[in-house]
């Protein structure tokens, strides 16, 4: 039996009752295992990690979308993290003997089902996309929910599946296939957002920084500090330790220290090779965030 990982990101991180409802919906699907979930109020976003067969994951994602579309209204949603939809992104990742080809097929099938069942525009990204302009998630998300209606009037931004206009409250959903990535945030001891943005620009690949690193500077109003929020899309090319050290060095140029860091969701054990959570100052990290450990438990 081939297991696949799925990591849906939902645009809700402040109303815990909704996050718990979505977690319960995933758990209710036979054959789908919810390994981890967390919510970030500053980002106003929750991240779920589940595994299962293709059939179980499709059922779990469709159940999640059904409830998220009903419970979330992006017209009133505010948060630091960019978002295009109530269910913003649904990536599928191969595990063990499963293949990227299987994940691509699943992403396309699930994308079609989401469009058909919920009248949601769906964009395919990563390995599931056949359009070079849509391989990068940030290109699809650019303009966010508020700019989506105008963006979709451009022929090159017609969705892969579904209607040619946004869902009025849920926007659009991005579905894809990719390899494992690390969602990693480093928090700085300042409230100056310009510093976080400068450090993010110095770190991210698209600005000449580290390979396979995407980064944004964000404010954490609840903590009175700022954050460099990163996705490490290939932790073998840029290990988490290298990304952390680069942020520390860049922040020091402005006389700013690092408070702590956060590993969001689960992380492969190999991604911690050569470092420790203590060295990374990884706040709240536990063995339960190591993917292999959770798979063994499940």
C-alpha atoms as a PDB file:
ATOM      1  CA  UNK A   1       0.000   0.000   0.000  1.00  0.00           C
ATOM      2  CA  UNK A   2       1.464   3.362  -1.068  1.00  0.00           C
ATOM      3  CA  UNK A   3       1.149   6.148   1.490  1.00  0.00           C
ATOM      4  CA  UNK A   4       1.031   9.783   0.434  1.00  0.00           C
ATOM      5  CA  UNK A   5       1.327  12.864   2.615  1.00  0.00           C
ATOM      6  CA  UNK A   6      -0.988  15.856   2.267  1.00  0.00           C
ATOM      7  CA  UNK A   7      -0.526  19.247   3.972  1.00  0.00           C
ATOM      8  CA  UNK A   8      -3.598  21.478   3.470  1.00  0.00           C
ATOM      9  CA  UNK A   9      -3.247  25.121   4.560  1.00  0.00           C
ATOM     10  CA  UNK A  10      -6.499  26.778   5.625  1.00  0.00           C
ATOM     11  CA  UNK A  11      -7.013  30.526   6.006  1.00  0.00           C
ATOM     12  CA  UNK A  12      -8.133  30.396   9.637  1.00  0.00           C
ATOM     13  CA  UNK A  13      -5.870  30.492  12.663  1.00  0.00           C
ATOM     14  CA  UNK A  14      -7.785  32.508  15.264  1.00  0.00           C
ATOM     15  CA  UNK A  15     -11.083  30.721  15.814  1.00  0.00           C
ATOM     16  CA  UNK A  16     -10.026  27.510  17.522  1.00  0.00           C
ATOM     17  CA  UNK A  17     -13.494  25.972  17.252  1.00  0.00           C
ATOM     18  CA  UNK A  18     -13.273  26.045  13.451  1.00  0.00           C
ATOM     19  CA  UNK A  19      -9.761  24.578  13.443  1.00  0.00           C
ATOM     20  CA  UNK A  20     -10.933  21.756  15.710  1.00  0.00           C
ATOM     21  CA  UNK A  21     -13.956  21.126  13.491  1.00  0.00           C
ATOM     22  CA  UNK A  22     -11.711  20.749  10.451  1.00  0.00           C
ATOM     23  CA  UNK A  23      -9.397  18.393  12.351  1.00  0.00           C
ATOM     24  CA  UNK A  24     -12.383  16.286  13.378  1.00  0.00           C
ATOM     25  CA  UNK A  25     -13.543  16.064   9.764  1.00  0.00           C
ATOM     26  CA  UNK A  26     -10.180  14.677   8.708  1.00  0.00           C
ATOM     27  CA  UNK A  27     -10.187  12.151  11.554  1.00  0.00           C
ATOM     28  CA  UNK A  28     -13.649  10.947  10.551  1.00  0.00           C
ATOM     29  CA  UNK A  29     -12.412   9.633   7.187  1.00  0.00           C
ATOM     30  CA  UNK A  30     -11.511   5.964   7.302  1.00  0.00           C
ATOM     31  CA  UNK A  31      -7.946   5.407   6.131  1.00  0.00           C
ATOM     32  CA  UNK A  32      -6.789   9.009   6.579  1.00  0.00           C
ATOM     33  CA  UNK A  33      -4.470   9.683   9.532  1.00  0.00           C
ATOM     34  CA  UNK A  34      -4.158  13.201  10.919  1.00  0.00           C
ATOM     35  CA  UNK A  35      -0.547  13.333  12.097  1.00  0.00           C
ATOM     36  CA  UNK A  36      -0.346  16.973  13.143  1.00  0.00           C
ATOM     37  CA  UNK A  37      -2.102  20.329  12.988  1.00  0.00           C
ATOM     38  CA  UNK A  38      -1.373  23.801  14.267  1.00  0.00           C
ATOM     39  CA  UNK A  39      -2.826  27.302  14.037  1.00  0.00           C
ATOM     40  CA  UNK A  40      -1.037  30.646  13.926  1.00  0.00           C
ATOM     41  CA  UNK A  41      -3.139  33.669  14.945  1.00  0.00           C
ATOM     42  CA  UNK A  42      -0.728  36.238  13.480  1.00  0.00           C
ATOM     43  CA  UNK A  43      -0.701  34.460  10.117  1.00  0.00           C
ATOM     44  CA  UNK A  44      -4.414  33.625  10.636  1.00  0.00           C
ATOM     45  CA  UNK A  45      -3.710  30.258   9.101  1.00  0.00           C
ATOM     46  CA  UNK A  46      -3.783  26.598  10.106  1.00  0.00           C
ATOM     47  CA  UNK A  47      -1.711  23.741   8.718  1.00  0.00           C
ATOM     48  CA  UNK A  48      -2.826  20.097   8.761  1.00  0.00           C
ATOM     49  CA  UNK A  49      -0.606  17.101   8.010  1.00  0.00           C
ATOM     50  CA  UNK A  50      -2.289  13.827   7.072  1.00  0.00           C
ATOM     51  CA  UNK A  51      -1.332  10.582   5.376  1.00  0.00           C
ATOM     52  CA  UNK A  52      -3.233   7.810   3.687  1.00  0.00           C
ATOM     53  CA  UNK A  53      -3.984   6.141   0.394  1.00  0.00           C
ATOM     54  CA  UNK A  54      -5.007   8.233  -2.594  1.00  0.00           C
ATOM     55  CA  UNK A  55      -8.657   7.350  -2.055  1.00  0.00           C
ATOM     56  CA  UNK A  56      -8.646   8.230   1.644  1.00  0.00           C
ATOM     57  CA  UNK A  57      -6.808  11.499   1.105  1.00  0.00           C
ATOM     58  CA  UNK A  58      -9.223  12.600  -1.609  1.00  0.00           C
ATOM     59  CA  UNK A  59     -12.173  11.969   0.713  1.00  0.00           C
ATOM     60  CA  UNK A  60     -10.476  13.795   3.595  1.00  0.00           C
ATOM     61  CA  UNK A  61      -9.573  16.833   1.496  1.00  0.00           C
ATOM     62  CA  UNK A  62     -13.069  17.115   0.043  1.00  0.00           C
ATOM     63  CA  UNK A  63     -14.568  16.944   3.535  1.00  0.00           C
ATOM     64  CA  UNK A  64     -12.127  19.611   4.732  1.00  0.00           C
ATOM     65  CA  UNK A  65     -12.958  21.888   1.803  1.00  0.00           C
ATOM     66  CA  UNK A  66     -16.704  21.457   2.312  1.00  0.00           C
ATOM     67  CA  UNK A  67     -16.488  22.725   5.873  1.00  0.00           C
ATOM     68  CA  UNK A  68     -13.819  25.383   5.317  1.00  0.00           C
ATOM     69  CA  UNK A  69     -15.773  26.971   2.478  1.00  0.00           C
ATOM     70  CA  UNK A  70     -18.864  27.065   4.660  1.00  0.00           C
ATOM     71  CA  UNK A  71     -17.115  28.440   7.760  1.00  0.00           C
ATOM     72  CA  UNK A  72     -14.558  30.885   6.294  1.00  0.00           C
ATOM     73  CA  UNK A  73     -15.292  34.207   4.590  1.00  0.00           C
ATOM     74  CA  UNK A  74     -12.224  35.822   3.063  1.00  0.00           C
ATOM     75  CA  UNK A  75     -14.026  39.141   2.692  1.00  0.00           C
ATOM     76  CA  UNK A  76     -13.438  39.656   6.417  1.00  0.00           C
ATOM     77  CA  UNK A  77     -10.239  37.614   6.772  1.00  0.00           C
ATOM     78  CA  UNK A  78      -7.097  39.474   7.864  1.00  0.00           C
ATOM     79  CA  UNK A  79      -3.694  37.954   8.556  1.00  0.00           C
ATOM     80  CA  UNK A  80      -0.011  38.312   7.821  1.00  0.00           C
ATOM     81  CA  UNK A  81       0.285  35.300   5.515  1.00  0.00           C
ATOM     82  CA  UNK A  82      -0.612  35.756   1.821  1.00  0.00           C
ATOM     83  CA  UNK A  83      -3.680  33.743   0.771  1.00  0.00           C
ATOM     84  CA  UNK A  84      -5.810  33.181  -2.301  1.00  0.00           C
ATOM     85  CA  UNK A  85      -8.546  31.001  -0.830  1.00  0.00           C
ATOM     86  CA  UNK A  86     -10.311  29.725   2.260  1.00  0.00           C
ATOM     87  CA  UNK A  87      -8.493  26.461   1.609  1.00  0.00           C
ATOM     88  CA  UNK A  88      -5.407  28.143   0.248  1.00  0.00           C
ATOM     89  CA  UNK A  89      -3.133  25.320  -0.844  1.00  0.00           C
ATOM     90  CA  UNK A  90      -3.332  21.513  -0.908  1.00  0.00           C
ATOM     91  CA  UNK A  91       0.015  19.839  -1.703  1.00  0.00           C
ATOM     92  CA  UNK A  92       0.561  16.091  -2.054  1.00  0.00           C
ATOM     93  CA  UNK A  93       3.991  14.641  -1.190  1.00  0.00           C
ATOM     94  CA  UNK A  94       5.271  11.113  -1.913  1.00  0.00           C
ATOM     95  CA  UNK A  95       6.246   8.959   1.065  1.00  0.00           C
ATOM     96  CA  UNK A  96       8.182   5.688   1.078  1.00  0.00           C
ATOM     97  CA  UNK A  97       7.430   3.716  -2.068  1.00  0.00           C
ATOM     98  CA  UNK A  98       4.877   6.174  -3.446  1.00  0.00           C
ATOM     99  CA  UNK A  99       5.949   8.281  -6.424  1.00  0.00           C
ATOM    100  CA  UNK A 100       5.663  11.839  -7.623  1.00  0.00           C
ATOM    101  CA  UNK A 101       3.679  10.502 -10.581  1.00  0.00           C
ATOM    102  CA  UNK A 102       1.039   9.173  -8.186  1.00  0.00           C
ATOM    103  CA  UNK A 103       0.937  12.524  -6.384  1.00  0.00           C
ATOM    104  CA  UNK A 104       0.506  14.427  -9.647  1.00  0.00           C
ATOM    105  CA  UNK A 105      -2.390  12.193 -10.654  1.00  0.00           C
ATOM    106  CA  UNK A 106      -3.990  12.616  -7.237  1.00  0.00           C
ATOM    107  CA  UNK A 107      -3.570  16.406  -7.271  1.00  0.00           C
ATOM    108  CA  UNK A 108      -5.266  16.656 -10.651  1.00  0.00           C
ATOM    109  CA  UNK A 109      -8.119  14.366  -9.621  1.00  0.00           C
ATOM    110  CA  UNK A 110      -8.677  16.230  -6.348  1.00  0.00           C
ATOM    111  CA  UNK A 111      -8.475  19.599  -8.092  1.00  0.00           C
ATOM    112  CA  UNK A 112     -11.165  18.538 -10.547  1.00  0.00           C
ATOM    113  CA  UNK A 113     -13.382  17.242  -7.734  1.00  0.00           C
ATOM    114  CA  UNK A 114     -13.028  20.452  -5.694  1.00  0.00           C
ATOM    115  CA  UNK A 115     -14.041  22.512  -8.723  1.00  0.00           C
ATOM    116  CA  UNK A 116     -16.988  20.268  -9.559  1.00  0.00           C
ATOM    117  CA  UNK A 117     -18.379  19.917  -6.046  1.00  0.00           C
ATOM    118  CA  UNK A 118     -17.872  23.427  -4.667  1.00  0.00           C
ATOM    119  CA  UNK A 119     -17.821  25.730  -7.713  1.00  0.00           C
ATOM    120  CA  UNK A 120     -14.304  26.772  -6.723  1.00  0.00           C
ATOM    121  CA  UNK A 121     -11.654  27.807  -9.254  1.00  0.00           C
ATOM    122  CA  UNK A 122      -8.624  25.531  -8.878  1.00  0.00           C
ATOM    123  CA  UNK A 123      -5.053  26.188  -9.959  1.00  0.00           C
ATOM    124  CA  UNK A 124      -2.476  23.405 -10.250  1.00  0.00           C
ATOM    125  CA  UNK A 125       1.077  24.086  -9.091  1.00  0.00           C
ATOM    126  CA  UNK A 126       4.416  22.388  -8.613  1.00  0.00           C
ATOM    127  CA  UNK A 127       4.865  19.059 -10.346  1.00  0.00           C
ATOM    128  CA  UNK A 128       1.124  18.890 -11.055  1.00  0.00           C
ATOM    129  CA  UNK A 129       1.200  21.984 -13.263  1.00  0.00           C
ATOM    130  CA  UNK A 130       1.801  21.753 -16.991  1.00  0.00           C
ATOM    131  CA  UNK A 131       2.045  25.554 -17.210  1.00  0.00           C
ATOM    132  CA  UNK A 132       5.535  26.975 -16.471  1.00  0.00           C
ATOM    133  CA  UNK A 133       3.988  30.196 -15.134  1.00  0.00           C
ATOM    134  CA  UNK A 134       2.162  28.223 -12.475  1.00  0.00           C
ATOM    135  CA  UNK A 135       4.832  25.978 -11.066  1.00  0.00           C
ATOM    136  CA  UNK A 136       5.682  28.463  -8.308  1.00  0.00           C
ATOM    137  CA  UNK A 137       3.039  28.880  -5.644  1.00  0.00           C
ATOM    138  CA  UNK A 138       3.867  32.540  -5.046  1.00  0.00           C
ATOM    139  CA  UNK A 139       3.183  33.439  -8.686  1.00  0.00           C
ATOM    140  CA  UNK A 140      -0.335  32.034  -8.494  1.00  0.00           C
ATOM    141  CA  UNK A 141      -0.974  33.651  -5.118  1.00  0.00           C
ATOM    142  CA  UNK A 142       0.334  37.085  -6.146  1.00  0.00           C
ATOM    143  CA  UNK A 143      -2.432  39.678  -5.760  1.00  0.00           C
ATOM    144  CA  UNK A 144      -4.111  37.529  -3.119  1.00  0.00           C
ATOM    145  CA  UNK A 145      -7.871  37.152  -2.683  1.00  0.00           C
ATOM    146  CA  UNK A 146      -8.477  40.870  -3.079  1.00  0.00           C
ATOM    147  CA  UNK A 147      -6.855  40.969  -6.522  1.00  0.00           C
ATOM    148  CA  UNK A 148      -8.135  37.630  -7.756  1.00  0.00           C
ATOM    149  CA  UNK A 149     -11.208  38.821  -9.677  1.00  0.00           C
ATOM    150  CA  UNK A 150      -9.147  41.224 -11.784  1.00  0.00           C
ATOM    151  CA  UNK A 151      -6.384  38.663 -12.257  1.00  0.00           C
ATOM    152  CA  UNK A 152      -8.824  36.068 -13.548  1.00  0.00           C
ATOM    153  CA  UNK A 153      -9.992  38.386 -16.339  1.00  0.00           C
ATOM    154  CA  UNK A 154      -6.569  37.818 -17.948  1.00  0.00           C
ATOM    155  CA  UNK A 155      -6.678  34.771 -20.268  1.00  0.00           C
ATOM    156  CA  UNK A 156      -3.329  33.507 -18.956  1.00  0.00           C
ATOM    157  CA  UNK A 157      -4.820  33.250 -15.462  1.00  0.00           C
ATOM    158  CA  UNK A 158      -7.882  31.192 -16.292  1.00  0.00           C
ATOM    159  CA  UNK A 159      -8.080  28.376 -13.708  1.00  0.00           C
ATOM    160  CA  UNK A 160      -7.183  24.803 -14.525  1.00  0.00           C
ATOM    161  CA  UNK A 161     -10.574  23.667 -13.249  1.00  0.00           C
ATOM    162  CA  UNK A 162     -13.801  25.354 -12.255  1.00  0.00           C
ATOM    163  CA  UNK A 163     -15.478  28.707 -12.879  1.00  0.00           C
ATOM    164  CA  UNK A 164     -13.763  31.684 -14.473  1.00  0.00           C
ATOM    165  CA  UNK A 165     -14.463  33.939 -11.514  1.00  0.00           C
ATOM    166  CA  UNK A 166     -13.610  33.645  -7.817  1.00  0.00           C
ATOM    167  CA  UNK A 167     -15.907  32.045  -5.311  1.00  0.00           C
ATOM    168  CA  UNK A 168     -17.454  35.082  -3.549  1.00  0.00           C
ATOM    169  CA  UNK A 169     -16.272  34.088  -0.060  1.00  0.00           C
ATOM    170  CA  UNK A 170     -13.716  31.311  -0.605  1.00  0.00           C
ATOM    171  CA  UNK A 171     -11.666  32.664  -3.505  1.00  0.00           C
ATOM    172  CA  UNK A 172      -9.761  29.875  -5.239  1.00  0.00           C
ATOM    173  CA  UNK A 173      -7.793  26.826  -4.169  1.00  0.00           C
ATOM    174  CA  UNK A 174      -4.291  25.842  -5.291  1.00  0.00           C
ATOM    175  CA  UNK A 175      -3.605  22.091  -5.532  1.00  0.00           C
ATOM    176  CA  UNK A 176      -0.295  20.495  -6.384  1.00  0.00           C
ATOM    177  CA  UNK A 177       2.422  17.916  -5.917  1.00  0.00           C
ATOM    178  CA  UNK A 178       5.864  18.604  -4.479  1.00  0.00           C
ATOM    179  CA  UNK A 179       8.705  17.107  -2.494  1.00  0.00           C
ATOM    180  CA  UNK A 180       8.914  17.602   1.277  1.00  0.00           C
ATOM    181  CA  UNK A 181       9.609  21.162   2.386  1.00  0.00           C
ATOM    182  CA  UNK A 182      10.239  22.811   5.740  1.00  0.00           C
ATOM    183  CA  UNK A 183       8.046  25.690   6.858  1.00  0.00           C
ATOM    184  CA  UNK A 184      10.388  27.607   9.113  1.00  0.00           C
ATOM    185  CA  UNK A 185      10.064  30.985  10.843  1.00  0.00           C
ATOM    186  CA  UNK A 186      12.781  32.997  12.574  1.00  0.00           C
ATOM    187  CA  UNK A 187      11.620  35.737  14.967  1.00  0.00           C
ATOM    188  CA  UNK A 188      13.603  38.946  15.412  1.00  0.00           C
ATOM    189  CA  UNK A 189      13.922  41.125  18.506  1.00  0.00           C
ATOM    190  CA  UNK A 190      12.494  44.236  16.873  1.00  0.00           C
ATOM    191  CA  UNK A 191       9.145  45.597  15.730  1.00  0.00           C
ATOM    192  CA  UNK A 192      10.630  47.168  12.588  1.00  0.00           C
ATOM    193  CA  UNK A 193       9.007  45.424   9.634  1.00  0.00           C
ATOM    194  CA  UNK A 194      11.499  46.984   7.210  1.00  0.00           C
ATOM    195  CA  UNK A 195      14.280  45.006   8.883  1.00  0.00           C
ATOM    196  CA  UNK A 196      12.380  41.731   8.511  1.00  0.00           C
ATOM    197  CA  UNK A 197      11.702  42.486   4.857  1.00  0.00           C
ATOM    198  CA  UNK A 198      15.347  43.321   4.184  1.00  0.00           C
ATOM    199  CA  UNK A 199      16.538  40.137   5.874  1.00  0.00           C
ATOM    200  CA  UNK A 200      13.964  38.083   3.951  1.00  0.00           C
ATOM    201  CA  UNK A 201      15.152  39.591   0.671  1.00  0.00           C
ATOM    202  CA  UNK A 202      18.766  38.761   1.541  1.00  0.00           C
ATOM    203  CA  UNK A 203      17.851  35.148   2.346  1.00  0.00           C
ATOM    204  CA  UNK A 204      15.451  34.179  -0.446  1.00  0.00           C
ATOM    205  CA  UNK A 205      16.682  32.686  -3.681  1.00  0.00           C
ATOM    206  CA  UNK A 206      14.715  35.000  -5.980  1.00  0.00           C
ATOM    207  CA  UNK A 207      16.637  37.992  -4.596  1.00  0.00           C
ATOM    208  CA  UNK A 208      20.032  36.341  -4.899  1.00  0.00           C
ATOM    209  CA  UNK A 209      20.061  34.612  -1.525  1.00  0.00           C
ATOM    210  CA  UNK A 210      20.117  30.950  -0.593  1.00  0.00           C
ATOM    211  CA  UNK A 211      19.039  28.292  -3.095  1.00  0.00           C
ATOM    212  CA  UNK A 212      15.611  26.731  -2.612  1.00  0.00           C
ATOM    213  CA  UNK A 213      14.593  29.309   0.016  1.00  0.00           C
ATOM    214  CA  UNK A 214      11.449  31.419  -0.158  1.00  0.00           C
ATOM    215  CA  UNK A 215      11.112  34.138   2.468  1.00  0.00           C
ATOM    216  CA  UNK A 216       8.840  36.999   3.536  1.00  0.00           C
ATOM    217  CA  UNK A 217       9.079  39.561   6.305  1.00  0.00           C
ATOM    218  CA  UNK A 218       5.992  39.673   8.535  1.00  0.00           C
ATOM    219  CA  UNK A 219       4.838  41.486  11.665  1.00  0.00           C
ATOM    220  CA  UNK A 220       3.743  39.524  14.747  1.00  0.00           C
ATOM    221  CA  UNK A 221       1.547  42.140  16.370  1.00  0.00           C
ATOM    222  CA  UNK A 222       0.583  39.881  19.270  1.00  0.00           C
ATOM    223  CA  UNK A 223       4.253  39.563  20.287  1.00  0.00           C
ATOM    224  CA  UNK A 224       5.408  43.028  19.266  1.00  0.00           C
ATOM    225  CA  UNK A 225       8.160  41.612  17.040  1.00  0.00           C
ATOM    226  CA  UNK A 226       8.738  40.741  13.393  1.00  0.00           C
ATOM    227  CA  UNK A 227       9.416  37.471  11.640  1.00  0.00           C
ATOM    228  CA  UNK A 228      11.273  36.088   8.656  1.00  0.00           C
ATOM    229  CA  UNK A 229       8.916  33.379   7.391  1.00  0.00           C
ATOM    230  CA  UNK A 230      10.576  30.819   5.118  1.00  0.00           C
ATOM    231  CA  UNK A 231       9.849  27.763   3.049  1.00  0.00           C
ATOM    232  CA  UNK A 232      12.895  25.562   2.478  1.00  0.00           C
ATOM    233  CA  UNK A 233      11.884  23.690  -0.651  1.00  0.00           C
ATOM    234  CA  UNK A 234      14.988  21.479  -0.729  1.00  0.00           C
ATOM    235  CA  UNK A 235      16.583  21.062   2.688  1.00  0.00           C
ATOM    236  CA  UNK A 236      19.454  19.094   1.166  1.00  0.00           C
ATOM    237  CA  UNK A 237      20.578  22.093  -0.875  1.00  0.00           C
ATOM    238  CA  UNK A 238      19.956  24.608   1.912  1.00  0.00           C
ATOM    239  CA  UNK A 239      19.816  22.891   5.314  1.00  0.00           C
ATOM    240  CA  UNK A 240      17.754  24.477   8.047  1.00  0.00           C
ATOM    241  CA  UNK A 241      20.931  25.308   9.974  1.00  0.00           C
ATOM    242  CA  UNK A 242      22.289  27.303   7.032  1.00  0.00           C
ATOM    243  CA  UNK A 243      19.034  29.261   6.698  1.00  0.00           C
ATOM    244  CA  UNK A 244      18.983  30.027  10.431  1.00  0.00           C
ATOM    245  CA  UNK A 245      22.605  31.156  10.490  1.00  0.00           C
ATOM    246  CA  UNK A 246      22.064  33.413   7.476  1.00  0.00           C
ATOM    247  CA  UNK A 247      19.093  35.111   9.138  1.00  0.00           C
ATOM    248  CA  UNK A 248      21.128  35.592  12.328  1.00  0.00           C
ATOM    249  CA  UNK A 249      23.977  37.167  10.363  1.00  0.00           C
ATOM    250  CA  UNK A 250      21.738  39.421   8.282  1.00  0.00           C
ATOM    251  CA  UNK A 251      19.758  40.638  11.316  1.00  0.00           C
ATOM    252  CA  UNK A 252      23.023  41.392  13.129  1.00  0.00           C
ATOM    253  CA  UNK A 253      23.890  43.876  10.360  1.00  0.00           C
ATOM    254  CA  UNK A 254      21.035  45.991  11.724  1.00  0.00           C
ATOM    255  CA  UNK A 255      22.016  45.333  15.318  1.00  0.00           C
ATOM    256  CA  UNK A 256      19.054  43.003  15.823  1.00  0.00           C
ATOM    257  CA  UNK A 257      19.150  39.684  17.663  1.00  0.00           C
ATOM    258  CA  UNK A 258      17.125  36.555  16.981  1.00  0.00           C
ATOM    259  CA  UNK A 259      14.540  35.739  19.660  1.00  0.00           C
ATOM    260  CA  UNK A 260      13.697  32.185  18.608  1.00  0.00           C
ATOM    261  CA  UNK A 261      12.557  30.123  15.649  1.00  0.00           C
ATOM    262  CA  UNK A 262       9.561  27.934  14.822  1.00  0.00           C
ATOM    263  CA  UNK A 263       9.333  24.752  12.797  1.00  0.00           C
ATOM    264  CA  UNK A 264       5.768  24.617  11.490  1.00  0.00           C
ATOM    265  CA  UNK A 265       4.227  21.168  11.221  1.00  0.00           C
ATOM    266  CA  UNK A 266       6.345  18.058  10.727  1.00  0.00           C
ATOM    267  CA  UNK A 267       9.953  17.785   9.592  1.00  0.00           C
ATOM    268  CA  UNK A 268      11.858  14.775   8.189  1.00  0.00           C
ATOM    269  CA  UNK A 269      14.492  13.496  10.593  1.00  0.00           C
ATOM    270  CA  UNK A 270      17.167  13.967   7.922  1.00  0.00           C
ATOM    271  CA  UNK A 271      16.457  17.697   7.860  1.00  0.00           C
ATOM    272  CA  UNK A 272      17.880  18.001  11.388  1.00  0.00           C
ATOM    273  CA  UNK A 273      21.179  16.346  10.494  1.00  0.00           C
ATOM    274  CA  UNK A 274      24.087  18.468  11.665  1.00  0.00           C
ATOM    275  CA  UNK A 275      22.055  20.618  14.012  1.00  0.00           C
ATOM    276  CA  UNK A 276      19.748  20.481  17.034  1.00  0.00           C
ATOM    277  CA  UNK A 277      16.497  22.219  17.951  1.00  0.00           C
ATOM    278  CA  UNK A 278      18.408  23.895  20.791  1.00  0.00           C
ATOM    279  CA  UNK A 279      20.932  25.437  18.393  1.00  0.00           C
ATOM    280  CA  UNK A 280      18.063  26.638  16.207  1.00  0.00           C
ATOM    281  CA  UNK A 281      16.321  28.058  19.291  1.00  0.00           C
ATOM    282  CA  UNK A 282      13.247  26.197  18.044  1.00  0.00           C
ATOM    283  CA  UNK A 283      10.463  27.276  20.374  1.00  0.00           C
ATOM    284  CA  UNK A 284       8.175  24.474  21.531  1.00  0.00           C
ATOM    285  CA  UNK A 285       9.784  21.832  19.319  1.00  0.00           C
ATOM    286  CA  UNK A 286       9.263  18.200  20.354  1.00  0.00           C
ATOM    287  CA  UNK A 287      10.013  14.744  19.003  1.00  0.00           C
ATOM    288  CA  UNK A 288       6.370  14.646  17.903  1.00  0.00           C
ATOM    289  CA  UNK A 289       7.280  17.032  15.093  1.00  0.00           C
ATOM    290  CA  UNK A 290       9.600  14.499  13.473  1.00  0.00           C
ATOM    291  CA  UNK A 291       7.708  12.939  10.565  1.00  0.00           C
ATOM    292  CA  UNK A 292       9.078   9.421  10.968  1.00  0.00           C
ATOM    293  CA  UNK A 293       8.175   9.405  14.675  1.00  0.00           C
ATOM    294  CA  UNK A 294       4.581  10.346  13.934  1.00  0.00           C
ATOM    295  CA  UNK A 295       4.321   7.803  11.149  1.00  0.00           C
ATOM    296  CA  UNK A 296       5.497   5.093  13.554  1.00  0.00           C
ATOM    297  CA  UNK A 297       2.900   6.184  16.097  1.00  0.00           C
ATOM    298  CA  UNK A 298       0.165   6.176  13.468  1.00  0.00           C
END
